[in-house]
Amino acid sequence: MLKEDAGGGGQPNSRNVLGERLEICSLKPMTGFFRDGCCDTSREDVGSHTVCAVMTAEFLAFSKSRGNDLSTPVPEFGFPGLQPGDRWCLCAPRWQQACNAGQAPRVALRATHEGALADCSLSDLKRFAVDID
């Protein structure tokens, strides 16, 4: 789904890692640096929340072991806590770290911002793609 079709925010000219228009990653849970459902980015996004990843129990445990607990809700920040199957705009360096450790979650390439390529190789991302053949 294109972000314009879902009423999402972000930049209308944003591209994904395939060079196409960036698609929505998730509206429930609401994700993205701008909390608009897209893995869009800007200079303020120092973590590069650009990889649309599909959470797995294994990845959530890996992330928690590295100091980033994504499964525990934090209501004061409006964070519901993630469960396996949820899509989330993950920091590109964290995804690459998980990939290097054999713990990478699957990726929705059409919803992964081209900025992820600064930290992740396209070939690695494609190996874990859920939305291309």
N, C-alpha and C. Protein backbone atom coordinates (compact mmCIF):
# COMPACT_ATOMS: atom_id res chain seq x y z
N MET A 1 0.84 -1.17 0.00
CA MET A 1 0.00 0.00 0.00
C MET A 1 0.89 1.23 0.00
N LEU A 2 0.60 2.15 -0.90
CA LEU A 2 1.35 3.40 -0.94
C LEU A 2 0.91 4.29 0.20
N LYS A 3 1.83 5.05 0.73
CA LYS A 3 1.49 5.87 1.88
C LYS A 3 0.42 6.90 1.57
N GLU A 4 0.36 7.39 0.35
CA GLU A 4 -0.67 8.36 0.00
C GLU A 4 -2.06 7.72 0.07
N ASP A 5 -2.15 6.42 -0.28
CA ASP A 5 -3.43 5.72 -0.27
C ASP A 5 -3.96 5.52 1.14
N ALA A 6 -3.07 5.46 2.13
CA ALA A 6 -3.48 5.20 3.50
C ALA A 6 -3.54 6.47 4.32
N GLY A 7 -3.30 7.59 3.71
CA GLY A 7 -3.32 8.84 4.46
C GLY A 7 -2.09 9.02 5.31
N GLY A 8 -1.03 8.25 5.04
CA GLY A 8 0.20 8.36 5.82
C GLY A 8 0.95 9.63 5.50
N GLY A 9 1.89 9.96 6.35
CA GLY A 9 2.68 11.15 6.14
C GLY A 9 3.96 10.84 5.40
N GLY A 10 5.00 11.54 5.76
CA GLY A 10 6.28 11.31 5.12
C GLY A 10 6.42 12.15 3.87
N GLN A 11 7.45 11.90 3.15
CA GLN A 11 7.77 12.66 1.95
C GLN A 11 7.18 11.99 0.72
N PRO A 12 6.46 12.71 -0.13
CA PRO A 12 5.84 12.09 -1.30
C PRO A 12 6.83 11.53 -2.31
N ASN A 13 8.07 11.99 -2.31
CA ASN A 13 9.07 11.50 -3.26
C ASN A 13 10.00 10.45 -2.67
N SER A 14 9.71 9.96 -1.48
CA SER A 14 10.57 8.95 -0.86
C SER A 14 10.58 7.67 -1.67
N ARG A 15 11.76 7.05 -1.76
CA ARG A 15 11.95 5.83 -2.54
C ARG A 15 12.35 4.68 -1.63
N ASN A 16 12.00 3.49 -2.08
CA ASN A 16 12.42 2.29 -1.35
C ASN A 16 13.73 1.77 -1.93
N VAL A 17 14.21 0.68 -1.38
CA VAL A 17 15.50 0.13 -1.82
C VAL A 17 15.47 -0.42 -3.25
N LEU A 18 14.27 -0.54 -3.82
CA LEU A 18 14.13 -1.00 -5.20
C LEU A 18 14.02 0.17 -6.17
N GLY A 19 14.07 1.40 -5.63
CA GLY A 19 13.98 2.59 -6.46
C GLY A 19 12.56 3.00 -6.79
N GLU A 20 11.59 2.38 -6.13
CA GLU A 20 10.18 2.68 -6.34
C GLU A 20 9.67 3.58 -5.22
N ARG A 21 8.41 4.03 -5.36
CA ARG A 21 7.81 4.83 -4.29
C ARG A 21 7.72 4.01 -3.01
N LEU A 22 8.06 4.64 -1.89
CA LEU A 22 8.03 3.98 -0.58
C LEU A 22 6.61 3.63 -0.19
N GLU A 23 6.40 2.39 0.24
CA GLU A 23 5.09 1.94 0.68
C GLU A 23 4.99 1.97 2.21
N ILE A 24 3.76 1.88 2.70
CA ILE A 24 3.48 1.82 4.14
C ILE A 24 4.10 0.54 4.71
N CYS A 25 4.69 0.64 5.88
CA CYS A 25 5.20 -0.53 6.59
C CYS A 25 4.12 -1.08 7.52
N SER A 26 3.60 -0.24 8.42
CA SER A 26 2.57 -0.69 9.36
C SER A 26 1.83 0.49 9.96
N LEU A 27 0.52 0.36 9.99
CA LEU A 27 -0.32 1.34 10.68
C LEU A 27 -0.78 0.81 12.03
N LYS A 28 -0.70 -0.51 12.21
CA LYS A 28 -1.07 -1.12 13.48
C LYS A 28 -0.15 -2.30 13.73
N PRO A 29 0.88 -2.17 14.56
CA PRO A 29 1.17 -0.95 15.32
C PRO A 29 1.70 0.17 14.42
N MET A 30 1.43 1.40 14.84
CA MET A 30 1.91 2.57 14.10
C MET A 30 3.43 2.63 14.26
N THR A 31 4.10 2.70 13.14
CA THR A 31 5.56 2.67 13.16
C THR A 31 6.15 3.86 12.43
N GLY A 32 7.45 3.90 12.37
CA GLY A 32 8.18 4.93 11.64
C GLY A 32 8.72 6.00 12.57
N PHE A 33 9.82 6.59 12.17
CA PHE A 33 10.42 7.67 12.95
C PHE A 33 9.42 8.80 13.17
N PHE A 34 8.57 9.04 12.16
CA PHE A 34 7.57 10.10 12.26
C PHE A 34 6.23 9.57 12.78
N ARG A 35 6.16 8.27 13.09
CA ARG A 35 4.94 7.60 13.53
C ARG A 35 3.79 7.88 12.55
N ASP A 36 4.11 7.64 11.28
CA ASP A 36 3.13 7.82 10.22
C ASP A 36 2.94 6.54 9.41
N GLY A 37 3.52 5.44 9.89
CA GLY A 37 3.37 4.16 9.21
C GLY A 37 4.45 3.85 8.19
N CYS A 38 5.30 4.84 7.89
CA CYS A 38 6.34 4.68 6.86
C CYS A 38 7.73 4.66 7.48
N CYS A 39 8.64 3.97 6.83
CA CYS A 39 10.04 3.95 7.26
C CYS A 39 10.80 5.09 6.61
N ASP A 40 10.18 6.26 6.58
CA ASP A 40 10.79 7.46 6.04
C ASP A 40 11.84 7.96 7.02
N THR A 41 12.70 8.83 6.58
CA THR A 41 13.80 9.28 7.43
C THR A 41 14.12 10.74 7.15
N SER A 42 14.94 11.30 8.00
CA SER A 42 15.42 12.68 7.84
C SER A 42 16.73 12.80 8.60
N ARG A 43 17.33 13.96 8.56
CA ARG A 43 18.58 14.17 9.30
C ARG A 43 18.40 13.95 10.80
N GLU A 44 17.20 14.23 11.31
CA GLU A 44 16.94 14.06 12.74
C GLU A 44 16.90 12.59 13.16
N ASP A 45 16.70 11.69 12.21
CA ASP A 45 16.61 10.26 12.49
C ASP A 45 18.01 9.66 12.54
N VAL A 46 18.71 9.90 13.63
CA VAL A 46 20.10 9.45 13.73
C VAL A 46 20.21 7.92 13.78
N GLY A 47 19.13 7.23 14.15
CA GLY A 47 19.15 5.77 14.19
C GLY A 47 18.84 5.12 12.86
N SER A 48 18.42 5.90 11.86
CA SER A 48 18.06 5.40 10.54
C SER A 48 17.01 4.29 10.63
N HIS A 49 15.80 4.66 11.08
CA HIS A 49 14.67 3.73 11.21
C HIS A 49 14.07 3.46 9.83
N THR A 50 14.80 2.75 9.00
CA THR A 50 14.48 2.66 7.58
C THR A 50 14.16 1.26 7.07
N VAL A 51 14.36 0.22 7.87
CA VAL A 51 14.12 -1.16 7.42
C VAL A 51 12.76 -1.62 7.93
N CYS A 52 11.86 -1.95 7.02
CA CYS A 52 10.55 -2.49 7.40
C CYS A 52 10.73 -3.98 7.66
N ALA A 53 10.83 -4.33 8.94
CA ALA A 53 11.11 -5.70 9.33
C ALA A 53 9.86 -6.37 9.91
N VAL A 54 9.75 -7.67 9.66
CA VAL A 54 8.66 -8.47 10.20
C VAL A 54 9.21 -9.18 11.44
N MET A 55 8.67 -8.82 12.59
CA MET A 55 9.21 -9.33 13.85
C MET A 55 9.04 -10.85 13.99
N THR A 56 10.05 -11.45 14.60
CA THR A 56 10.01 -12.87 14.98
C THR A 56 10.38 -12.95 16.46
N ALA A 57 9.99 -14.03 17.10
CA ALA A 57 10.35 -14.22 18.51
C ALA A 57 11.87 -14.23 18.66
N GLU A 58 12.55 -14.84 17.70
CA GLU A 58 14.01 -14.93 17.78
C GLU A 58 14.65 -13.54 17.67
N PHE A 59 14.16 -12.73 16.73
CA PHE A 59 14.73 -11.39 16.60
C PHE A 59 14.42 -10.54 17.83
N LEU A 60 13.19 -10.62 18.34
CA LEU A 60 12.84 -9.83 19.53
C LEU A 60 13.75 -10.19 20.71
N ALA A 61 14.05 -11.47 20.86
CA ALA A 61 14.97 -11.90 21.93
C ALA A 61 16.39 -11.38 21.65
N PHE A 62 16.82 -11.44 20.40
CA PHE A 62 18.14 -10.93 20.02
C PHE A 62 18.24 -9.44 20.33
N SER A 63 17.24 -8.67 19.92
CA SER A 63 17.26 -7.22 20.15
C SER A 63 17.30 -6.90 21.65
N LYS A 64 16.49 -7.63 22.41
CA LYS A 64 16.47 -7.43 23.86
C LYS A 64 17.85 -7.73 24.46
N SER A 65 18.51 -8.77 23.96
CA SER A 65 19.84 -9.14 24.47
C SER A 65 20.89 -8.09 24.14
N ARG A 66 20.59 -7.23 23.14
CA ARG A 66 21.50 -6.16 22.76
C ARG A 66 21.10 -4.82 23.36
N GLY A 67 20.14 -4.85 24.30
CA GLY A 67 19.76 -3.64 25.02
C GLY A 67 18.60 -2.87 24.44
N ASN A 68 17.91 -3.42 23.44
CA ASN A 68 16.76 -2.73 22.85
C ASN A 68 15.55 -3.66 22.95
N ASP A 69 14.81 -3.55 24.05
CA ASP A 69 13.65 -4.40 24.30
C ASP A 69 12.46 -3.86 23.52
N LEU A 70 12.12 -4.53 22.43
CA LEU A 70 11.00 -4.11 21.59
C LEU A 70 9.71 -4.83 21.92
N SER A 71 9.76 -5.80 22.82
CA SER A 71 8.55 -6.59 23.11
C SER A 71 7.79 -6.10 24.33
N THR A 72 8.40 -5.32 25.19
CA THR A 72 7.73 -4.82 26.39
C THR A 72 7.04 -3.50 26.12
N PRO A 73 5.73 -3.42 26.39
CA PRO A 73 5.02 -2.15 26.19
C PRO A 73 5.59 -1.03 27.07
N VAL A 74 5.60 0.17 26.51
CA VAL A 74 5.99 1.37 27.26
C VAL A 74 4.87 2.39 27.04
N PRO A 75 3.77 2.26 27.82
CA PRO A 75 2.58 3.09 27.58
C PRO A 75 2.84 4.59 27.66
N GLU A 76 3.76 5.02 28.52
CA GLU A 76 4.01 6.46 28.64
C GLU A 76 4.57 7.06 27.36
N PHE A 77 5.11 6.22 26.47
CA PHE A 77 5.60 6.69 25.18
C PHE A 77 4.71 6.21 24.03
N GLY A 78 3.56 5.65 24.37
CA GLY A 78 2.63 5.16 23.35
C GLY A 78 3.15 3.96 22.58
N PHE A 79 4.08 3.21 23.20
CA PHE A 79 4.66 2.04 22.53
C PHE A 79 3.95 0.78 23.02
N PRO A 80 3.30 0.04 22.11
CA PRO A 80 2.50 -1.12 22.52
C PRO A 80 3.30 -2.38 22.83
N GLY A 81 4.58 -2.39 22.48
CA GLY A 81 5.35 -3.64 22.56
C GLY A 81 5.04 -4.45 21.31
N LEU A 82 6.06 -5.06 20.74
CA LEU A 82 5.88 -5.79 19.49
C LEU A 82 5.77 -7.28 19.73
N GLN A 83 5.06 -7.93 18.80
CA GLN A 83 4.87 -9.37 18.84
C GLN A 83 5.31 -9.96 17.50
N PRO A 84 5.62 -11.25 17.49
CA PRO A 84 5.96 -11.87 16.21
C PRO A 84 4.85 -11.60 15.18
N GLY A 85 5.27 -11.27 13.97
CA GLY A 85 4.34 -10.96 12.90
C GLY A 85 4.12 -9.48 12.70
N ASP A 86 4.38 -8.66 13.73
CA ASP A 86 4.25 -7.21 13.59
C ASP A 86 5.33 -6.71 12.64
N ARG A 87 4.98 -5.68 11.87
CA ARG A 87 5.96 -4.99 11.04
C ARG A 87 6.40 -3.74 11.78
N TRP A 88 7.69 -3.42 11.69
CA TRP A 88 8.25 -2.29 12.44
C TRP A 88 9.41 -1.68 11.67
N CYS A 89 9.51 -0.37 11.70
CA CYS A 89 10.63 0.33 11.07
C CYS A 89 11.84 0.22 11.99
N LEU A 90 12.69 -0.68 11.66
CA LEU A 90 13.86 -1.02 12.46
C LEU A 90 15.05 -0.17 12.04
N CYS A 91 15.91 0.12 12.98
CA CYS A 91 17.15 0.84 12.67
C CYS A 91 18.00 -0.04 11.74
N ALA A 92 18.44 0.54 10.66
CA ALA A 92 19.22 -0.21 9.68
C ALA A 92 20.48 -0.84 10.28
N PRO A 93 21.25 -0.12 11.12
CA PRO A 93 22.43 -0.77 11.71
C PRO A 93 22.07 -1.98 12.58
N ARG A 94 20.92 -1.93 13.29
CA ARG A 94 20.50 -3.07 14.11
C ARG A 94 20.13 -4.26 13.22
N TRP A 95 19.44 -3.98 12.10
CA TRP A 95 19.10 -5.08 11.20
C TRP A 95 20.36 -5.73 10.67
N GLN A 96 21.34 -4.93 10.25
CA GLN A 96 22.58 -5.50 9.71
C GLN A 96 23.33 -6.27 10.79
N GLN A 97 23.31 -5.76 12.02
CA GLN A 97 23.94 -6.49 13.13
C GLN A 97 23.26 -7.85 13.31
N ALA A 98 21.94 -7.88 13.27
CA ALA A 98 21.20 -9.13 13.40
C ALA A 98 21.51 -10.06 12.22
N CYS A 99 21.60 -9.50 11.04
CA CYS A 99 21.94 -10.31 9.86
C CYS A 99 23.31 -10.95 10.04
N ASN A 100 24.27 -10.18 10.47
CA ASN A 100 25.63 -10.70 10.67
C ASN A 100 25.67 -11.78 11.74
N ALA A 101 24.73 -11.72 12.70
CA ALA A 101 24.67 -12.70 13.78
C ALA A 101 23.73 -13.87 13.46
N GLY A 102 23.18 -13.90 12.24
CA GLY A 102 22.26 -14.97 11.87
C GLY A 102 20.89 -14.85 12.50
N GLN A 103 20.49 -13.64 12.90
CA GLN A 103 19.22 -13.43 13.59
C GLN A 103 18.29 -12.43 12.89
N ALA A 104 18.56 -12.12 11.63
CA ALA A 104 17.80 -11.08 10.93
C ALA A 104 16.35 -11.49 10.73
N PRO A 105 15.43 -10.54 10.97
CA PRO A 105 14.03 -10.79 10.63
C PRO A 105 13.82 -10.57 9.14
N ARG A 106 12.69 -11.05 8.63
CA ARG A 106 12.34 -10.84 7.23
C ARG A 106 12.10 -9.35 6.98
N VAL A 107 12.12 -8.95 5.72
CA VAL A 107 12.07 -7.54 5.34
C VAL A 107 11.04 -7.33 4.23
N ALA A 108 10.26 -6.25 4.36
CA ALA A 108 9.36 -5.81 3.29
C ALA A 108 10.12 -4.76 2.49
N LEU A 109 10.69 -5.14 1.37
CA LEU A 109 11.56 -4.25 0.59
C LEU A 109 10.82 -3.02 0.07
N ARG A 110 9.58 -3.20 -0.32
CA ARG A 110 8.84 -2.07 -0.89
C ARG A 110 8.53 -1.00 0.16
N ALA A 111 8.64 -1.37 1.43
CA ALA A 111 8.41 -0.43 2.53
C ALA A 111 9.71 -0.06 3.24
N THR A 112 10.85 -0.51 2.72
CA THR A 112 12.16 -0.21 3.29
C THR A 112 12.77 0.96 2.53
N HIS A 113 13.05 2.03 3.26
CA HIS A 113 13.56 3.27 2.66
C HIS A 113 14.96 3.05 2.07
N GLU A 114 15.22 3.71 0.94
CA GLU A 114 16.53 3.58 0.29
C GLU A 114 17.68 3.99 1.20
N GLY A 115 17.41 4.79 2.21
CA GLY A 115 18.45 5.19 3.17
C GLY A 115 19.06 4.01 3.92
N ALA A 116 18.34 2.90 3.98
CA ALA A 116 18.86 1.70 4.65
C ALA A 116 20.13 1.19 3.97
N LEU A 117 20.29 1.52 2.69
CA LEU A 117 21.45 1.03 1.94
C LEU A 117 22.77 1.62 2.42
N ALA A 118 22.70 2.65 3.27
CA ALA A 118 23.93 3.19 3.86
C ALA A 118 24.50 2.22 4.89
N ASP A 119 23.65 1.35 5.44
CA ASP A 119 24.08 0.42 6.49
C ASP A 119 23.91 -1.05 6.11
N CYS A 120 23.04 -1.32 5.15
CA CYS A 120 22.70 -2.70 4.79
C CYS A 120 22.96 -2.92 3.30
N SER A 121 23.39 -4.11 2.96
CA SER A 121 23.58 -4.39 1.53
C SER A 121 22.24 -4.84 0.93
N LEU A 122 22.01 -4.43 -0.30
CA LEU A 122 20.78 -4.81 -0.98
C LEU A 122 20.69 -6.33 -1.12
N SER A 123 21.80 -6.98 -1.34
CA SER A 123 21.77 -8.44 -1.49
C SER A 123 21.34 -9.10 -0.18
N ASP A 124 21.81 -8.59 0.96
CA ASP A 124 21.36 -9.14 2.26
C ASP A 124 19.86 -8.90 2.44
N LEU A 125 19.42 -7.68 2.17
CA LEU A 125 18.00 -7.36 2.32
C LEU A 125 17.15 -8.26 1.43
N LYS A 126 17.57 -8.48 0.20
CA LYS A 126 16.80 -9.31 -0.72
C LYS A 126 16.73 -10.75 -0.25
N ARG A 127 17.77 -11.25 0.38
CA ARG A 127 17.75 -12.62 0.89
C ARG A 127 16.65 -12.84 1.91
N PHE A 128 16.26 -11.77 2.60
CA PHE A 128 15.25 -11.86 3.66
C PHE A 128 13.91 -11.24 3.25
N ALA A 129 13.74 -10.95 1.98
CA ALA A 129 12.54 -10.25 1.50
C ALA A 129 11.29 -11.13 1.60
N VAL A 130 10.20 -10.48 1.99
CA VAL A 130 8.90 -11.16 2.03
C VAL A 130 8.02 -10.72 0.87
N ASP A 131 8.44 -9.72 0.11
CA ASP A 131 7.55 -9.14 -0.90
C ASP A 131 8.10 -9.14 -2.31
N ILE A 132 9.12 -9.93 -2.57
CA ILE A 132 9.57 -10.13 -3.96
C ILE A 132 9.87 -11.60 -4.15
N ASP A 133 9.90 -12.00 -5.42
CA ASP A 133 10.18 -13.43 -5.73
C ASP A 133 11.66 -13.69 -5.77
